[in-house]
Amino acid sequence: MNSNLSATLENLNKYFIVIGYGNDLRSDDGIGPRVANEVEAWGIPNVKTLALHQLTPEIAETIKDAYGVIFVDAGKLPNVQEVQVLTIEAEETGKSMTHNVDPRSLLALSQTLYNSHPHAWCINVPAVNFEMGETLSSLAQQGVSEALEKIKIILRQ
């Protein structure tokens, strides 16, 4: 199945970037990097991955030429009860572009600096445990599996 997906992406001459971010030493907060590492293990040539502690402005240059970027993070809000996939657009937030930026502001920065930004999705995975540790809760483990399936669907579009 991954070879078909790889061939499809290569034929379309486009690439995706999966950016998983969060602190992998804070249990469920490490969902994003874990998903990015799993996607990297698929070995799809036109899919790049970044496993990061946080988003920073420098990432705008990394995403500017991609066809699509998928941001993956632990859903920290109480209303994140299931894996959410949101199509996102650039949004000028007016906040300082120093550290700890969000996906929408990265898209806006890429648009401003490079007159380009990719199609973008944000995947929020339910999380309940943010204590020190490297083990995911059962809810987060299930969410990681669902997020990986949703990423496969996005890559096939």
Protein backbone atom coordinates (compact mmCIF):
# COMPACT_ATOMS: atom_id res chain seq x y z
CA MET A 1 0.00 0.00 0.00
CA ASN A 2 2.79 2.45 0.81
CA SER A 3 4.47 1.71 -2.54
CA ASN A 4 1.26 2.74 -4.37
CA LEU A 5 1.09 5.93 -2.32
CA SER A 6 4.74 6.64 -3.01
CA ALA A 7 4.28 6.13 -6.77
CA THR A 8 1.23 8.43 -6.78
CA LEU A 9 3.13 11.24 -5.06
CA GLU A 10 6.17 10.84 -7.32
CA ASN A 11 3.99 10.93 -10.45
CA LEU A 12 2.43 14.17 -9.29
CA ASN A 13 5.90 15.63 -8.63
CA LYS A 14 4.94 17.06 -5.26
CA TYR A 15 5.97 16.52 -1.69
CA PHE A 16 4.40 16.75 1.72
CA ILE A 17 5.91 17.57 5.09
CA VAL A 18 4.53 16.07 8.29
CA ILE A 19 5.46 18.20 11.30
CA GLY A 20 4.83 16.60 14.67
CA TYR A 21 5.49 18.85 17.62
CA GLY A 22 5.38 18.54 21.39
CA ASN A 23 7.48 17.47 24.33
CA ASP A 24 8.14 13.73 24.14
CA LEU A 25 9.23 13.75 27.81
CA ARG A 26 5.73 14.85 28.93
CA SER A 27 3.77 11.69 28.15
CA ASP A 28 0.87 12.48 25.79
CA ASP A 29 2.44 15.80 24.77
CA GLY A 30 4.84 13.68 22.70
CA ILE A 31 2.08 12.57 20.31
CA GLY A 32 3.22 14.88 17.50
CA PRO A 33 6.86 13.75 17.38
CA ARG A 34 5.77 10.12 17.69
CA VAL A 35 3.45 10.44 14.69
CA ALA A 36 6.17 12.20 12.65
CA ASN A 37 8.65 9.41 13.46
CA GLU A 38 6.12 6.74 12.44
CA VAL A 39 5.50 8.49 9.12
CA GLU A 40 9.26 8.73 8.54
CA ALA A 41 9.50 4.96 9.07
CA TRP A 42 7.12 4.47 6.11
CA GLY A 43 10.00 5.55 3.87
CA ILE A 44 7.88 7.38 1.29
CA PRO A 45 10.32 9.42 -0.83
CA ASN A 46 8.06 12.47 -1.34
CA VAL A 47 7.08 12.73 2.31
CA LYS A 48 9.44 14.57 4.65
CA THR A 49 9.03 14.70 8.40
CA LEU A 50 10.03 16.93 11.28
CA ALA A 51 9.72 15.88 14.92
CA LEU A 52 10.02 19.08 16.96
CA HIS A 53 9.69 20.29 20.51
CA GLN A 54 7.91 23.44 19.31
CA LEU A 55 7.15 25.40 16.17
CA THR A 56 9.50 28.30 15.39
CA PRO A 57 9.53 30.96 12.66
CA GLU A 58 12.41 29.27 10.81
CA ILE A 59 10.01 26.52 9.72
CA ALA A 60 8.35 28.98 7.30
CA GLU A 61 11.31 28.55 4.95
CA THR A 62 11.08 24.76 5.25
CA ILE A 63 7.41 24.65 4.25
CA LYS A 64 7.40 27.28 1.49
CA ASP A 65 7.97 24.86 -1.42
CA ALA A 66 5.91 21.93 -0.15
CA TYR A 67 2.64 20.99 -1.80
CA GLY A 68 1.16 20.19 1.60
CA VAL A 69 2.07 20.30 5.25
CA ILE A 70 0.41 18.31 8.00
CA PHE A 71 0.85 19.61 11.54
CA VAL A 72 0.30 17.06 14.32
CA ASP A 73 -0.08 17.97 17.99
CA ALA A 74 -1.64 16.73 21.20
CA GLY A 75 -5.14 18.15 21.58
CA LYS A 76 -4.85 19.86 24.92
CA LEU A 77 -8.29 21.40 25.02
CA PRO A 78 -11.09 19.62 26.88
CA ASN A 79 -13.21 19.50 23.69
CA VAL A 80 -10.67 17.34 21.82
CA GLN A 81 -12.34 13.97 22.39
CA GLU A 82 -11.42 12.41 19.05
CA VAL A 83 -8.79 12.92 16.38
CA GLN A 84 -9.58 16.17 14.59
CA VAL A 85 -8.37 17.01 11.09
CA LEU A 86 -8.76 20.67 10.21
CA THR A 87 -7.88 22.29 6.90
CA ILE A 88 -6.13 25.51 7.81
CA GLU A 89 -5.21 28.74 6.04
CA ALA A 90 -2.72 31.48 6.81
CA GLU A 91 -3.88 33.85 9.51
CA GLU A 92 -2.20 37.04 10.56
CA THR A 93 -2.29 36.87 14.32
CA GLY A 94 -0.45 40.05 15.19
CA LYS A 95 1.64 38.24 17.76
CA SER A 96 5.40 38.34 17.97
CA MET A 97 7.18 35.88 15.69
CA THR A 98 9.86 34.81 18.14
CA HIS A 99 9.19 31.39 19.59
CA ASN A 100 6.25 29.07 20.05
CA VAL A 101 4.27 30.07 16.98
CA ASP A 102 1.21 28.21 15.70
CA PRO A 103 0.58 26.59 12.29
CA ARG A 104 -1.55 29.46 10.96
CA SER A 105 1.08 32.06 11.76
CA LEU A 106 3.74 29.90 10.07
CA LEU A 107 1.62 29.81 6.92
CA ALA A 108 1.20 33.58 7.10
CA LEU A 109 4.93 34.06 7.55
CA SER A 110 5.67 31.81 4.57
CA GLN A 111 3.19 33.83 2.51
CA THR A 112 4.71 37.14 3.62
CA LEU A 113 8.36 36.19 3.18
CA TYR A 114 8.19 33.86 0.17
CA ASN A 115 4.82 34.69 -1.41
CA SER A 116 3.96 31.03 -1.06
CA HIS A 117 2.51 28.60 1.39
CA PRO A 118 1.35 25.00 1.05
CA HIS A 119 -2.02 23.41 1.50
CA ALA A 120 -2.19 22.68 5.21
CA TRP A 121 -3.94 20.49 7.73
CA CYS A 122 -3.78 20.36 11.49
CA ILE A 123 -4.36 17.04 13.24
CA ASN A 124 -5.21 17.29 16.93
CA VAL A 125 -4.98 14.01 18.83
CA PRO A 126 -6.78 13.59 22.18
CA ALA A 127 -4.44 13.71 25.17
CA VAL A 128 -5.04 13.37 28.88
CA ASN A 129 -1.65 12.82 30.56
CA PHE A 130 1.00 15.55 30.57
CA GLU A 131 3.04 14.28 33.51
CA MET A 132 6.76 13.59 33.14
CA GLY A 133 7.28 10.34 31.25
CA GLU A 134 7.59 8.85 27.79
CA THR A 135 4.57 6.53 27.82
CA LEU A 136 1.38 7.51 26.04
CA SER A 137 -2.03 6.99 27.63
CA SER A 138 -4.30 4.42 25.98
CA LEU A 139 -6.42 7.26 24.58
CA ALA A 140 -3.32 8.85 23.03
CA GLN A 141 -2.09 5.51 21.63
CA GLN A 142 -5.43 4.98 19.92
CA GLY A 143 -5.32 8.56 18.65
CA VAL A 144 -1.85 8.07 17.17
CA SER A 145 -3.14 5.09 15.15
CA GLU A 146 -6.12 7.12 13.94
CA ALA A 147 -3.90 10.10 13.07
CA LEU A 148 -1.64 7.87 10.97
CA GLU A 149 -4.66 6.58 9.04
CA LYS A 150 -5.88 10.14 8.46
CA ILE A 151 -2.43 11.15 7.20
CA LYS A 152 -2.56 8.31 4.66
CA ILE A 153 -5.91 9.65 3.45
CA ILE A 154 -4.55 13.21 3.09
CA LEU A 155 -1.51 11.96 1.18
CA ARG A 156 -3.75 10.14 -1.31
CA GLN A 157 -5.91 13.19 -2.11
